[in-house]
């Protein structure tokens, strides 16, 4: 864990807190998680068409058990 100090506009913070329904700390954490998620999605999109997927639906279901 790392403690930080940031300056944000009250309007931006209020808008973000309205979306998350949480306090300041939880809102900032959620924003950072969202950014990490977007980055992971972008990396996966770069692989589109480059990875051959050859499992059948039955094989995937068997793998869950």
Protein backbone atom coordinates (compact mmCIF):
# COMPACT_ATOMS: atom_id res chain seq x y z
CA UNK A 1 0.00 0.00 0.00
CA UNK A 2 1.15 3.49 -0.73
CA UNK A 3 -0.35 6.73 0.53
CA UNK A 4 -0.61 9.54 -2.03
CA UNK A 5 -1.91 13.07 -2.22
CA UNK A 6 -3.65 14.23 -5.39
CA UNK A 7 -5.53 17.32 -6.44
CA UNK A 8 -8.71 16.78 -8.45
CA UNK A 9 -11.61 19.01 -9.26
CA UNK A 10 -14.54 18.69 -6.91
CA UNK A 11 -16.86 18.17 -9.87
CA UNK A 12 -14.78 15.29 -11.26
CA UNK A 13 -14.50 13.65 -7.85
CA UNK A 14 -18.23 14.01 -7.14
CA UNK A 15 -19.07 12.57 -10.55
CA UNK A 16 -16.75 9.60 -10.04
CA UNK A 17 -18.05 8.96 -6.53
CA UNK A 18 -21.60 8.99 -7.85
CA UNK A 19 -20.64 6.23 -10.29
CA UNK A 20 -18.81 4.09 -7.74
CA UNK A 21 -21.06 4.78 -4.80
CA UNK A 22 -17.96 4.80 -2.61
CA UNK A 23 -15.78 7.23 -0.74
CA UNK A 24 -12.73 9.00 -2.07
CA UNK A 25 -10.28 6.16 -1.48
CA UNK A 26 -12.52 3.50 -3.01
CA UNK A 27 -13.27 5.75 -5.98
CA UNK A 28 -9.57 6.30 -6.70
CA UNK A 29 -8.84 2.58 -6.32
CA UNK A 30 -11.70 1.70 -8.67
CA UNK A 31 -10.38 4.20 -11.22
CA UNK A 32 -6.92 2.65 -11.10
CA UNK A 33 -8.38 -0.85 -11.48
CA UNK A 34 -10.39 0.34 -14.50
CA UNK A 35 -7.26 1.75 -16.13
CA UNK A 36 -5.42 -1.54 -15.59
CA UNK A 37 -8.39 -3.40 -17.09
CA UNK A 38 -8.44 -1.15 -20.14
CA UNK A 39 -4.71 -1.72 -20.63
CA UNK A 40 -5.18 -5.52 -20.46
CA UNK A 41 -8.05 -5.33 -22.96
CA UNK A 42 -5.92 -3.32 -25.37
CA UNK A 43 -3.12 -5.90 -25.15
CA UNK A 44 -5.61 -8.68 -25.89
CA UNK A 45 -7.06 -6.81 -28.84
CA UNK A 46 -3.58 -6.63 -30.36
CA UNK A 47 -3.60 -10.45 -30.40
CA UNK A 48 -6.84 -10.57 -32.38
CA UNK A 49 -6.41 -12.86 -35.36
CA UNK A 50 -2.94 -13.98 -34.22
CA UNK A 51 -3.91 -16.77 -31.83
CA UNK A 52 -5.50 -19.97 -33.10
CA UNK A 53 -8.24 -21.22 -30.80
CA UNK A 54 -9.13 -24.84 -31.45
CA UNK A 55 -10.99 -26.08 -28.39
CA UNK A 56 -14.54 -27.30 -28.79
CA UNK A 57 -17.32 -26.34 -26.43
CA UNK A 58 -17.27 -29.85 -24.94
CA UNK A 59 -13.51 -29.64 -24.30
CA UNK A 60 -13.93 -26.32 -22.50
CA UNK A 61 -16.72 -27.72 -20.34
CA UNK A 62 -14.61 -30.76 -19.46
CA UNK A 63 -11.73 -28.47 -18.42
CA UNK A 64 -13.99 -26.78 -15.82
CA UNK A 65 -14.57 -29.98 -13.89
